[in-house]
Amino acid sequence: MTMDLPIETKFDSNYREVLVAARRARQIQSGASPLVRSQSNKACRLAQEEIQAGMIAYVHTGPPPEKPTLEDPGIPILAI
């Protein structure tokens, strides 16, 4: 059984964009060739420029995030 995972090109949050940029920066530091020309040699900046240029896509493999409900007994509610 194969599961078709959609390839994402737009980010649903800034947090996910930072995670993808960090992973791409690690790839560049490990020897991957940059996909864009840049005046910077820093891996983090190169990764950000690749994302801005639309050159980076990702596959979200985890389950969709669930927002906890207030009725959830696992979340402490503090009254201040």
C-alpha atoms as a PDB file:
ATOM      1  CA  MET A   1       0.000   0.000   0.000  1.00  0.00           C
ATOM      2  CA  THR A   2       1.508   3.325  -1.051  1.00  0.00           C
ATOM      3  CA  MET A   3       0.364   6.623   0.285  1.00  0.00           C
ATOM      4  CA  ASP A   4       0.509   9.618  -2.038  1.00  0.00           C
ATOM      5  CA  LEU A   5       1.996  12.508  -0.096  1.00  0.00           C
ATOM      6  CA  PRO A   6       1.317  15.923  -1.573  1.00  0.00           C
ATOM      7  CA  ILE A   7       4.290  18.124  -2.297  1.00  0.00           C
ATOM      8  CA  GLU A   8       3.784  21.493  -0.627  1.00  0.00           C
ATOM      9  CA  THR A   9       5.166  24.709  -2.057  1.00  0.00           C
ATOM     10  CA  LYS A  10       3.362  27.195   0.200  1.00  0.00           C
ATOM     11  CA  PHE A  11       3.839  27.353   3.929  1.00  0.00           C
ATOM     12  CA  ASP A  12       0.924  27.152   6.328  1.00  0.00           C
ATOM     13  CA  SER A  13       2.896  28.969   9.040  1.00  0.00           C
ATOM     14  CA  ASN A  14       6.087  30.907   9.594  1.00  0.00           C
ATOM     15  CA  TYR A  15       7.196  28.147  11.947  1.00  0.00           C
ATOM     16  CA  ARG A  16       7.102  25.541   9.163  1.00  0.00           C
ATOM     17  CA  GLU A  17       9.001  27.883   6.856  1.00  0.00           C
ATOM     18  CA  VAL A  18      11.748  28.242   9.477  1.00  0.00           C
ATOM     19  CA  LEU A  19      11.906  24.447   9.919  1.00  0.00           C
ATOM     20  CA  VAL A  20      12.247  23.890   6.173  1.00  0.00           C
ATOM     21  CA  ALA A  21      14.885  26.636   5.889  1.00  0.00           C
ATOM     22  CA  ALA A  22      16.864  25.113   8.762  1.00  0.00           C
ATOM     23  CA  ARG A  23      16.804  21.666   7.178  1.00  0.00           C
ATOM     24  CA  ARG A  24      17.846  23.093   3.805  1.00  0.00           C
ATOM     25  CA  ALA A  25      20.654  25.088   5.469  1.00  0.00           C
ATOM     26  CA  ARG A  26      21.958  21.852   7.008  1.00  0.00           C
ATOM     27  CA  GLN A  27      21.925  20.258   3.546  1.00  0.00           C
ATOM     28  CA  ILE A  28      23.929  23.170   2.143  1.00  0.00           C
ATOM     29  CA  GLN A  29      26.413  22.967   5.017  1.00  0.00           C
ATOM     30  CA  SER A  30      26.806  19.253   4.285  1.00  0.00           C
ATOM     31  CA  GLY A  31      27.828  19.947   0.705  1.00  0.00           C
ATOM     32  CA  ALA A  32      24.609  20.373  -1.302  1.00  0.00           C
ATOM     33  CA  SER A  33      24.858  22.905  -4.101  1.00  0.00           C
ATOM     34  CA  PRO A  34      22.824  26.103  -3.687  1.00  0.00           C
ATOM     35  CA  LEU A  35      19.913  26.433  -6.101  1.00  0.00           C
ATOM     36  CA  VAL A  36      20.172  30.214  -6.444  1.00  0.00           C
ATOM     37  CA  ARG A  37      23.026  32.667  -6.937  1.00  0.00           C
ATOM     38  CA  SER A  38      23.609  34.859  -3.948  1.00  0.00           C
ATOM     39  CA  GLN A  39      26.099  37.367  -2.655  1.00  0.00           C
ATOM     40  CA  SER A  40      25.981  35.578   0.692  1.00  0.00           C
ATOM     41  CA  ASN A  41      27.936  32.449   1.515  1.00  0.00           C
ATOM     42  CA  LYS A  42      25.943  31.718   4.661  1.00  0.00           C
ATOM     43  CA  ALA A  43      23.876  28.540   4.456  1.00  0.00           C
ATOM     44  CA  CYS A  44      20.946  30.023   6.356  1.00  0.00           C
ATOM     45  CA  ARG A  45      20.698  33.024   4.032  1.00  0.00           C
ATOM     46  CA  LEU A  46      21.039  30.815   0.949  1.00  0.00           C
ATOM     47  CA  ALA A  47      18.196  28.609   2.210  1.00  0.00           C
ATOM     48  CA  GLN A  48      15.971  31.648   2.807  1.00  0.00           C
ATOM     49  CA  GLU A  49      16.684  32.966  -0.687  1.00  0.00           C
ATOM     50  CA  GLU A  50      15.897  29.563  -2.209  1.00  0.00           C
ATOM     51  CA  ILE A  51      12.543  29.550  -0.419  1.00  0.00           C
ATOM     52  CA  GLN A  52      11.770  33.118  -1.541  1.00  0.00           C
ATOM     53  CA  ALA A  53      12.607  32.113  -5.120  1.00  0.00           C
ATOM     54  CA  GLY A  54      10.137  29.216  -4.949  1.00  0.00           C
ATOM     55  CA  MET A  55      12.883  26.624  -5.423  1.00  0.00           C
ATOM     56  CA  ILE A  56      12.112  24.608  -2.271  1.00  0.00           C
ATOM     57  CA  ALA A  57       9.187  22.269  -1.755  1.00  0.00           C
ATOM     58  CA  TYR A  58       8.503  19.893   1.106  1.00  0.00           C
ATOM     59  CA  VAL A  59       6.385  16.884   1.988  1.00  0.00           C
ATOM     60  CA  HIS A  60       4.440  17.017   5.218  1.00  0.00           C
ATOM     61  CA  THR A  61       4.462  13.430   6.486  1.00  0.00           C
ATOM     62  CA  GLY A  62       3.063  13.830   9.985  1.00  0.00           C
ATOM     63  CA  PRO A  63      -0.561  13.851  11.044  1.00  0.00           C
ATOM     64  CA  PRO A  64      -2.386  17.168  10.747  1.00  0.00           C
ATOM     65  CA  PRO A  65      -2.048  19.273  13.880  1.00  0.00           C
ATOM     66  CA  GLU A  66      -4.974  19.267  16.241  1.00  0.00           C
ATOM     67  CA  LYS A  67      -5.915  22.228  18.360  1.00  0.00           C
ATOM     68  CA  PRO A  68      -6.549  21.177  21.943  1.00  0.00           C
ATOM     69  CA  THR A  69      -9.951  21.936  23.363  1.00  0.00           C
ATOM     70  CA  LEU A  70     -10.478  23.605  26.706  1.00  0.00           C
ATOM     71  CA  GLU A  71     -12.381  20.528  27.844  1.00  0.00           C
ATOM     72  CA  ASP A  72      -9.260  18.419  27.381  1.00  0.00           C
ATOM     73  CA  PRO A  73      -8.270  17.240  30.889  1.00  0.00           C
ATOM     74  CA  GLY A  74      -4.575  17.186  29.922  1.00  0.00           C
ATOM     75  CA  ILE A  75      -4.357  20.965  29.676  1.00  0.00           C
ATOM     76  CA  PRO A  76      -4.076  22.824  32.957  1.00  0.00           C
ATOM     77  CA  ILE A  77      -6.084  26.043  33.066  1.00  0.00           C
ATOM     78  CA  LEU A  78      -4.610  28.632  35.361  1.00  0.00           C
ATOM     79  CA  ALA A  79      -6.808  31.272  36.972  1.00  0.00           C
ATOM     80  CA  ILE A  80      -4.761  34.349  37.688  1.00  0.00           C
END
